Each structure stands twice: as C-alpha cells, then as structure tokens.
Amino acid sequence: MKKLWLILLIGMIAAMTISGCGTADEQIDNNVGGNIDTGYETSTDNGEDKDEIANEMLSTTIQLKDGDYIFSLKNNSDKEIELTFSSSQEYEYVINDSEGNHIYTYSMDKMFAMMMKMKTLAPEEEYNINIDVKEVLATLEKGVYTLEIWPVAAETEGLTSTIEIVVD
C-alpha cells in the first residue's frame, strides 16, 4: 500500500512539473517579437513627457570607425538627464535586408541581468557604445542591409538611428 501511495505522489509531482514547464515555454513564445510592458509611467520626476525628452533633449547617431559601429546617445540640453534601464541591456538593434525583412535582433540570443540601472548624462555629454556586428555580418549573404539601433532606457522611447551596411 505504501508503494502505491509513493508511486501516486511521484506521478503527481511529475505531472505538475511538466505542466508548469509547458506554460512557461508558451509564455516565452508569445512574447517573442512583441512589446513588453515595463510598467513605467510616461513622465519623469520633473513632470516632463518622455517623448519630449527623447525628441528635444536627446539624440542618437551611428558612426562607422575603423570597421566598428559606434552608437552615440547625446544630451543636447543644459540639464542633467537621468536614464532608467530595467536590465543590464542598454541598447537594442535589428538588422534588416534591403526588402525590409527582419534578419537579426541583438537580444534574441542574449540574456540580461534583471536589475534597475541608472545612468546620468551631464549637459552636452555623449555616451558612446561600441556595437560589434562582425560575427552577425559574417553569416549574411552579399547585399545591402540596414542596422537600426536604439537605447532601451525608459526615457528614450522613439529614439533610433539607422545606417546602411553593404556586405561584399
């Protein structure tokens, strides 16, 4: 009798574990390519609208220097701007082919630490990030592609920069 109860208990634990794993995979699949609600309000502590900050106080650029892509986020204002990141990821990028087909997303094969991270940009300060796409470009066929990069801070919604890439 004890063996029957033990087998029944093990079976129930296994069934709960399997059903729980299936639910998690389903949730992950549903979020691929979708928008994730970060829960941030649409204003900063000083009452300014996020879009106003992104469009008037910050700018982004991409430059190609010595084979490396440099993504820059610049504070164009005379005030400090505090940026809020909800993980260790500071930027996102996508590569599209000449027809606009999505080829690669930076975060699709990465994991980032879940944490609150703050970065303060002083007036006129420029924050430069080296974007290494060499490994991805090596896998692409010859052609023309676009690299679109944007910061993922809550206050930078709508900021993006795009550059054309020619793979020979």
Protein backbone atom coordinates (compact mmCIF):
# COMPACT_ATOMS: atom_id res chain seq x y z
CA MET A 1 0.00 0.00 0.00
CA LYS A 2 2.84 2.39 0.85
CA LYS A 3 4.42 1.71 -2.56
CA LEU A 4 1.17 2.63 -4.31
CA TRP A 5 0.97 5.97 -2.43
CA LEU A 6 4.63 6.70 -3.22
CA ILE A 7 4.13 5.99 -6.93
CA LEU A 8 0.99 8.14 -6.95
CA LEU A 9 2.81 11.02 -5.19
CA ILE A 10 5.77 10.87 -7.61
CA GLY A 11 3.36 10.81 -10.56
CA MET A 12 1.52 13.91 -9.29
CA ILE A 13 4.79 15.82 -8.76
CA ALA A 14 5.98 14.88 -12.26
CA ALA A 15 2.66 15.97 -13.80
CA MET A 16 2.77 19.35 -12.03
CA THR A 17 6.39 19.90 -13.10
CA ILE A 18 5.67 19.06 -16.73
CA SER A 19 2.55 21.20 -16.89
CA GLY A 20 4.39 24.14 -15.29
CA CYS A 21 7.23 23.90 -17.83
CA GLY A 22 4.80 23.87 -20.73
CA THR A 23 3.16 27.06 -19.50
CA ALA A 24 6.48 28.89 -19.23
CA ASP A 25 7.51 27.92 -22.77
CA GLU A 26 4.16 29.09 -24.08
CA GLN A 27 4.54 32.47 -22.37
CA ILE A 28 8.04 32.96 -23.76
CA ASP A 29 6.89 32.11 -27.27
CA ASN A 30 4.01 34.59 -27.01
CA ASN A 31 6.42 37.43 -26.13
CA VAL A 32 8.88 36.85 -28.99
CA GLY A 33 8.79 39.90 -31.21
CA GLY A 34 6.13 41.56 -29.08
CA ASN A 35 6.16 44.61 -26.89
CA ILE A 36 6.80 44.08 -23.21
CA ASP A 37 5.11 46.47 -20.82
CA THR A 38 7.79 47.69 -18.43
CA GLY A 39 5.26 49.36 -16.16
CA TYR A 40 6.97 52.76 -16.32
CA GLU A 41 4.91 55.91 -16.18
CA THR A 42 5.01 58.24 -19.19
CA SER A 43 6.62 61.10 -17.29
CA THR A 44 9.85 61.69 -15.42
CA ASP A 45 10.23 63.04 -11.89
CA ASN A 46 10.33 66.62 -13.17
CA GLY A 47 6.97 66.22 -14.93
CA GLU A 48 8.31 66.31 -18.50
CA ASP A 49 6.79 63.92 -21.02
CA LYS A 50 9.11 61.04 -22.12
CA ASP A 51 8.56 61.83 -25.81
CA GLU A 52 9.53 65.45 -25.17
CA ILE A 53 12.76 64.33 -23.52
CA ALA A 54 13.55 61.88 -26.29
CA ASN A 55 12.76 64.27 -29.13
CA GLU A 56 14.13 67.55 -27.78
CA MET A 57 16.84 66.77 -25.25
CA LEU A 58 18.50 63.58 -26.53
CA SER A 59 19.79 62.47 -29.91
CA THR A 60 21.36 59.30 -31.29
CA THR A 61 23.84 58.65 -34.08
CA ILE A 62 25.73 55.71 -35.57
CA GLN A 63 29.22 56.12 -36.99
CA LEU A 64 31.48 53.62 -38.69
CA LYS A 65 35.06 54.00 -37.40
CA ASP A 66 37.83 51.53 -38.30
CA GLY A 67 35.31 48.77 -39.04
CA ASP A 68 33.41 49.27 -35.78
CA TYR A 69 29.97 50.79 -35.37
CA ILE A 70 29.78 53.42 -32.63
CA PHE A 71 26.31 54.20 -31.28
CA SER A 72 26.11 57.57 -29.52
CA LEU A 73 23.46 58.93 -27.21
CA LYS A 74 23.87 62.65 -26.59
CA ASN A 75 22.28 65.01 -24.08
CA ASN A 76 21.61 68.14 -26.16
CA SER A 77 20.20 70.11 -23.24
CA ASP A 78 21.62 72.28 -20.49
CA LYS A 79 20.20 69.94 -17.79
CA GLU A 80 21.30 66.56 -16.49
CA ILE A 81 19.18 63.70 -17.79
CA GLU A 82 18.78 60.53 -15.76
CA LEU A 83 18.17 57.39 -17.79
CA THR A 84 16.48 54.33 -16.27
CA PHE A 85 17.29 50.83 -17.55
CA SER A 86 15.24 47.87 -16.30
CA SER A 87 18.04 45.38 -17.02
CA SER A 88 21.74 45.28 -17.88
CA GLN A 89 20.79 45.78 -21.55
CA GLU A 90 21.44 49.39 -22.61
CA TYR A 91 20.61 49.16 -26.32
CA GLU A 92 18.84 47.02 -28.88
CA TYR A 93 19.46 46.62 -32.56
CA VAL A 94 17.98 44.89 -35.58
CA ILE A 95 19.42 44.09 -38.98
CA ASN A 96 17.05 44.10 -41.95
CA ASP A 97 17.71 43.18 -45.57
CA SER A 98 17.12 45.56 -48.49
CA GLU A 99 13.47 44.50 -48.70
CA GLY A 100 12.87 45.27 -45.02
CA ASN A 101 12.83 41.63 -43.93
CA HIS A 102 13.98 41.12 -40.37
CA ILE A 103 17.29 39.21 -40.29
CA TYR A 104 18.64 39.51 -36.74
CA THR A 105 17.80 41.04 -33.36
CA TYR A 106 20.61 41.64 -30.87
CA SER A 107 18.69 40.42 -27.81
CA MET A 108 17.29 37.26 -29.40
CA ASP A 109 20.30 35.15 -28.41
CA LYS A 110 21.34 37.00 -25.25
CA MET A 111 20.38 37.03 -21.59
CA PHE A 112 20.49 40.18 -19.47
CA ALA A 113 20.56 40.60 -15.72
CA MET A 114 17.27 41.88 -14.33
CA MET A 115 18.14 44.99 -12.35
CA MET A 116 17.39 48.67 -12.14
CA LYS A 117 20.27 50.66 -13.58
CA MET A 118 20.54 54.44 -13.69
CA LYS A 119 22.82 56.44 -15.99
CA THR A 120 23.10 60.22 -15.72
CA LEU A 121 24.12 62.24 -18.76
CA ALA A 122 25.53 65.68 -17.98
CA PRO A 123 24.61 68.63 -20.23
CA GLU A 124 26.12 68.10 -23.70
CA GLU A 125 27.56 64.72 -22.62
CA GLU A 126 27.80 61.99 -25.24
CA TYR A 127 27.63 58.32 -24.25
CA ASN A 128 29.32 56.08 -26.85
CA ILE A 129 28.79 52.32 -27.17
CA ASN A 130 30.80 50.06 -29.46
CA ILE A 131 28.36 47.81 -31.35
CA ASP A 132 30.06 44.62 -32.54
CA VAL A 133 28.17 43.18 -35.51
CA LYS A 134 31.11 41.45 -37.24
CA GLU A 135 30.01 37.97 -36.19
CA VAL A 136 26.47 38.54 -37.48
CA LEU A 137 27.63 40.16 -40.73
CA ALA A 138 29.87 37.15 -41.42
CA THR A 139 26.74 34.97 -41.63
CA LEU A 140 24.92 37.19 -44.16
CA GLU A 141 24.83 36.82 -47.93
CA LYS A 142 26.17 39.60 -50.11
CA GLY A 143 23.80 42.52 -50.25
CA VAL A 144 22.61 45.75 -48.67
CA TYR A 145 21.28 45.73 -45.12
CA THR A 146 20.22 48.29 -42.54
CA LEU A 147 21.36 48.39 -38.95
CA GLU A 148 18.87 50.14 -36.65
CA ILE A 149 19.94 50.83 -33.05
CA TRP A 150 18.07 52.41 -30.15
CA PRO A 151 18.63 52.86 -26.41
CA VAL A 152 16.31 50.86 -24.17
CA ALA A 153 16.11 53.36 -21.30
CA ALA A 154 12.55 54.18 -20.29
CA GLU A 155 13.06 57.87 -21.13
CA THR A 156 14.31 57.29 -24.70
CA GLU A 157 11.21 55.87 -26.35
CA GLY A 158 11.17 56.72 -30.05
CA LEU A 159 14.91 57.46 -30.36
CA THR A 160 16.54 55.41 -33.08
CA SER A 161 19.37 55.64 -35.60
CA THR A 162 19.82 53.69 -38.81
CA ILE A 163 22.84 53.10 -41.03
CA GLU A 164 23.20 51.17 -44.28
CA ILE A 165 25.58 48.20 -44.38
CA VAL A 166 26.95 46.67 -47.58
CA VAL A 167 28.13 43.06 -47.27
CA ASP A 168 30.59 42.11 -50.04
